[in-house]
C-alpha atoms as a PDB file:
ATOM      1  CA  MET A   1    -126.377  57.455   7.682  1.00  0.00           C
ATOM      2  CA  LYS A   2    -128.124  57.621   4.331  1.00  0.00           C
ATOM      3  CA  LYS A   3    -128.866  54.232   2.754  1.00  0.00           C
ATOM      4  CA  LEU A   4    -128.592  53.937  -1.016  1.00  0.00           C
ATOM      5  CA  THR A   5    -129.041  51.139  -3.521  1.00  0.00           C
ATOM      6  CA  ALA A   6    -127.418  50.172  -6.779  1.00  0.00           C
ATOM      7  CA  LEU A   7    -129.608  48.160  -9.095  1.00  0.00           C
ATOM      8  CA  ILE A   8    -127.592  45.459 -10.810  1.00  0.00           C
ATOM      9  CA  THR A   9    -129.184  44.520 -14.111  1.00  0.00           C
ATOM     10  CA  VAL A  10    -128.197  42.391 -17.035  1.00  0.00           C
ATOM     11  CA  ALA A  11    -126.672  45.189 -19.058  1.00  0.00           C
ATOM     12  CA  GLY A  12    -124.997  43.554 -22.046  1.00  0.00           C
ATOM     13  CA  PHE A  13    -126.797  44.721 -25.202  1.00  0.00           C
ATOM     14  CA  ALA A  14    -127.260  41.263 -26.683  1.00  0.00           C
ATOM     15  CA  THR A  15    -128.366  39.812 -23.376  1.00  0.00           C
ATOM     16  CA  VAL A  16    -130.879  42.592 -22.708  1.00  0.00           C
ATOM     17  CA  PHE A  17    -132.364  42.341 -26.175  1.00  0.00           C
ATOM     18  CA  CYS A  18    -132.595  38.535 -25.911  1.00  0.00           C
ATOM     19  CA  ALA A  19    -134.216  38.856 -22.508  1.00  0.00           C
ATOM     20  CA  ALA A  20    -136.617  41.461 -23.891  1.00  0.00           C
ATOM     21  CA  ALA A  21    -137.519  39.256 -26.834  1.00  0.00           C
ATOM     22  CA  GLN A  22    -138.155  36.261 -24.591  1.00  0.00           C
ATOM     23  CA  ALA A  23    -139.780  38.021 -21.655  1.00  0.00           C
ATOM     24  CA  GLY A  24    -141.601  40.838 -23.440  1.00  0.00           C
ATOM     25  CA  THR A  25    -139.824  43.787 -21.820  1.00  0.00           C
ATOM     26  CA  VAL A  26    -136.344  44.735 -20.718  1.00  0.00           C
ATOM     27  CA  SER A  27    -137.658  45.420 -17.211  1.00  0.00           C
ATOM     28  CA  GLU A  28    -138.167  41.664 -16.800  1.00  0.00           C
ATOM     29  CA  ALA A  29    -134.422  41.021 -17.185  1.00  0.00           C
ATOM     30  CA  PRO A  30    -132.794  39.620 -14.033  1.00  0.00           C
ATOM     31  CA  THR A  31    -131.961  42.247 -11.421  1.00  0.00           C
ATOM     32  CA  GLU A  32    -130.467  42.387  -7.963  1.00  0.00           C
ATOM     33  CA  ILE A  33    -130.290  45.316  -5.567  1.00  0.00           C
ATOM     34  CA  VAL A  34    -127.094  46.039  -3.648  1.00  0.00           C
ATOM     35  CA  HIS A  35    -127.653  48.267  -0.620  1.00  0.00           C
ATOM     36  CA  TYR A  36    -124.836  50.521   0.518  1.00  0.00           C
ATOM     37  CA  ALA A  37    -124.245  53.663   2.555  1.00  0.00           C
ATOM     38  CA  ALA A  38    -122.930  56.820   0.903  1.00  0.00           C
ATOM     39  CA  ALA A  39    -119.820  56.499   3.075  1.00  0.00           C
ATOM     40  CA  ASP A  40    -119.163  53.043   1.557  1.00  0.00           C
ATOM     41  CA  ALA A  41    -118.822  54.606  -1.885  1.00  0.00           C
ATOM     42  CA  ALA A  42    -116.529  57.399  -0.745  1.00  0.00           C
ATOM     43  CA  ASN A  43    -114.321  55.693   1.831  1.00  0.00           C
ATOM     44  CA  VAL A  44    -111.239  54.059   0.313  1.00  0.00           C
ATOM     45  CA  ALA A  45    -111.289  51.319   2.954  1.00  0.00           C
ATOM     46  CA  THR A  46    -114.840  50.213   2.071  1.00  0.00           C
ATOM     47  CA  VAL A  47    -114.781  50.744  -1.702  1.00  0.00           C
ATOM     48  CA  ALA A  48    -113.193  47.321  -2.286  1.00  0.00           C
ATOM     49  CA  VAL A  49    -115.928  45.620  -0.270  1.00  0.00           C
ATOM     50  CA  LEU A  50    -118.664  47.494  -2.142  1.00  0.00           C
ATOM     51  CA  TYR A  51    -117.062  46.648  -5.488  1.00  0.00           C
ATOM     52  CA  ARG A  52    -116.878  42.931  -4.591  1.00  0.00           C
ATOM     53  CA  ARG A  53    -120.558  42.987  -3.590  1.00  0.00           C
ATOM     54  CA  ILE A  54    -121.476  44.599  -6.923  1.00  0.00           C
ATOM     55  CA  GLU A  55    -119.277  42.127  -8.792  1.00  0.00           C
ATOM     56  CA  ALA A  56    -120.932  39.196  -7.011  1.00  0.00           C
ATOM     57  CA  ALA A  57    -124.428  40.508  -7.758  1.00  0.00           C
ATOM     58  CA  ALA A  58    -123.518  41.001 -11.419  1.00  0.00           C
ATOM     59  CA  GLY A  59    -122.288  37.438 -11.543  1.00  0.00           C
ATOM     60  CA  ARG A  60    -125.550  36.156 -10.136  1.00  0.00           C
ATOM     61  CA  VAL A  61    -127.802  38.074 -12.549  1.00  0.00           C
ATOM     62  CA  CYS A  62    -125.759  36.942 -15.550  1.00  0.00           C
ATOM     63  CA  GLY A  63    -126.392  33.251 -14.942  1.00  0.00           C
ATOM     64  CA  ALA A  64    -123.986  30.371 -15.428  1.00  0.00           C
ATOM     65  CA  ARG A  65    -120.407  31.655 -15.432  1.00  0.00           C
ATOM     66  CA  ILE A  66    -118.861  28.552 -16.922  1.00  0.00           C
ATOM     67  CA  ALA A  67    -120.559  26.633 -19.698  1.00  0.00           C
ATOM     68  CA  PRO A  68    -120.821  22.874 -19.260  1.00  0.00           C
ATOM     69  CA  GLY A  69    -117.665  21.161 -20.437  1.00  0.00           C
ATOM     70  CA  ARG A  70    -115.572  24.337 -20.135  1.00  0.00           C
ATOM     71  CA  SER A  71    -113.078  25.391 -17.498  1.00  0.00           C
ATOM     72  CA  PHE A  72    -113.226  29.164 -18.006  1.00  0.00           C
ATOM     73  CA  PRO A  73    -115.940  31.857 -18.022  1.00  0.00           C
ATOM     74  CA  SER A  74    -117.830  32.241 -21.287  1.00  0.00           C
ATOM     75  CA  ALA A  75    -117.372  35.393 -23.358  1.00  0.00           C
ATOM     76  CA  ALA A  76    -121.113  36.092 -23.091  1.00  0.00           C
ATOM     77  CA  TRP A  77    -120.977  35.852 -19.296  1.00  0.00           C
ATOM     78  CA  ASN A  78    -117.934  38.166 -19.145  1.00  0.00           C
ATOM     79  CA  HIS A  79    -119.683  40.691 -21.393  1.00  0.00           C
ATOM     80  CA  CYS A  80    -122.860  40.539 -19.319  1.00  0.00           C
ATOM     81  CA  ALA A  81    -121.093  40.829 -15.950  1.00  0.00           C
ATOM     82  CA  GLN A  82    -118.870  43.718 -17.043  1.00  0.00           C
ATOM     83  CA  GLY A  83    -121.876  45.570 -18.457  1.00  0.00           C
ATOM     84  CA  ALA A  84    -123.871  45.024 -15.272  1.00  0.00           C
ATOM     85  CA  ILE A  85    -120.951  46.254 -13.141  1.00  0.00           C
ATOM     86  CA  ARG A  86    -120.552  49.355 -15.323  1.00  0.00           C
ATOM     87  CA  ASP A  87    -124.270  50.093 -15.080  1.00  0.00           C
ATOM     88  CA  ALA A  88    -124.230  49.830 -11.286  1.00  0.00           C
ATOM     89  CA  LEU A  89    -121.125  52.001 -11.018  1.00  0.00           C
ATOM     90  CA  LEU A  90    -122.721  54.651 -13.226  1.00  0.00           C
ATOM     91  CA  ARG A  91    -125.670  54.707 -10.832  1.00  0.00           C
ATOM     92  CA  ILE A  92    -123.350  55.116  -7.847  1.00  0.00           C
ATOM     93  CA  ASP A  93    -121.359  57.796  -9.705  1.00  0.00           C
ATOM     94  CA  THR A  94    -118.534  58.100  -7.154  1.00  0.00           C
ATOM     95  CA  PRO A  95    -114.920  58.742  -8.205  1.00  0.00           C
ATOM     96  CA  ALA A  96    -113.446  56.387  -5.585  1.00  0.00           C
ATOM     97  CA  VAL A  97    -115.510  53.437  -6.800  1.00  0.00           C
ATOM     98  CA  ALA A  98    -114.847  54.275 -10.467  1.00  0.00           C
ATOM     99  CA  ALA A  99    -111.096  54.450  -9.788  1.00  0.00           C
ATOM    100  CA  TYR A 100    -111.166  51.097  -7.999  1.00  0.00           C
ATOM    101  CA  ALA A 101    -113.114  49.553 -10.884  1.00  0.00           C
ATOM    102  CA  ALA A 102    -110.632  50.977 -13.402  1.00  0.00           C
ATOM    103  CA  SER A 103    -107.796  49.342 -11.486  1.00  0.00           C
ATOM    104  CA  HIS A 104    -109.658  46.047 -12.064  1.00  0.00           C
ATOM    105  CA  GLY A 105    -110.184  46.601 -15.794  1.00  0.00           C
ATOM    106  CA  ILE A 106    -113.705  48.069 -15.693  1.00  0.00           C
ATOM    107  CA  LEU A 107    -113.780  51.551 -17.181  1.00  0.00           C
ATOM    108  CA  VAL A 108    -116.787  53.622 -16.213  1.00  0.00           C
ATOM    109  CA  LEU A 109    -117.833  56.535 -18.393  1.00  0.00           C
ATOM    110  CA  GLU A 110    -119.300  59.588 -16.748  1.00  0.00           C
ATOM    111  CA  ALA A 111    -123.087  59.597 -16.954  1.00  0.00           C
ATOM    112  CA  THR A 112    -123.071  62.680 -19.183  1.00  0.00           C
ATOM    113  CA  THR A 113    -120.695  61.006 -21.634  1.00  0.00           C
ATOM    114  CA  ALA A 114    -122.656  57.755 -21.632  1.00  0.00           C
ATOM    115  CA  SER A 115    -125.956  59.500 -22.339  1.00  0.00           C
ATOM    116  CA  ARG A 116    -124.546  61.195 -25.436  1.00  0.00           C
ATOM    117  CA  ASN A 117    -123.598  57.857 -27.024  1.00  0.00           C
END
């Protein structure tokens, strides 16, 4: 079984540029690798598990979900996490995972469309 990885990075534009300004380069932004098998990204039964693992990794690289004194996720955290999830899903580039993400409000553009923008 072929093992693959999806690199989860802080993908929100503002967050990446802030990280780059503070750390010197974008490559120093927080990252996390999610390992998966090709069958995990194609099998409907395992897509949900893979998506939850990606979602959890995105949450970890984006830092504090809830700001002190608040009871809901910050807009910056939501933007960061959704961008990181989209980036990982673009790297996986599998219709089953993209469809599952879309059903959870994360729309993934095809890599060819994203590169033109």
